[in-house]
Amino acid sequence: MRRSLKNRPDDDTKIDITPMLDVVFIMLIFFIVTASFIKESGAKVEKPTAETFEKKPKATILLAVNEKDEIWLDRRKLDPRAVKANLNRLRAENPEGEVILQADQESTAETVMKVIEALKDAGIAVPTIATESE
């Protein structure tokens, strides 16, 4: 006795994965929207230590002066004369953004003062300088 293949019950059961994919995509969108992106100036800076400090949680524009007196903003090396224009552009994109100056302890006071003057020209009266806590 042979059984016919036509008489065999249908074993083609399918699993619908559409709801699972919907959940995965919703979670992906949630994590992308809520992720906080860390901004970096682009230069490795050895910050000076300070006894008193205040944490600034909304540091969105980081400007750095490294030990070679190079000025870095958004991972690009800048000329001291271009600091004001670049800061104005970044402040136009993010008016609530806090500007933090990261000056290396080996950088010269002359370069740091040029940057502070450029910050003042850009409308930042009292710039925030990043330090390490003791």
Foldseek 3Di string as FASTA:
>chain_A
DDDDPVPDDDPPDDDDCVVVVVVVVVVVVVCVVPDDDDFDQQDDAAFAEDADDDDDPQADWEWEQHLVRFITTRNDTDDLVCLLVVVLVVCVVPVPHAYEYEYHPNHDPVSVVSNVVSCVVNPNPDHHYDHHYD
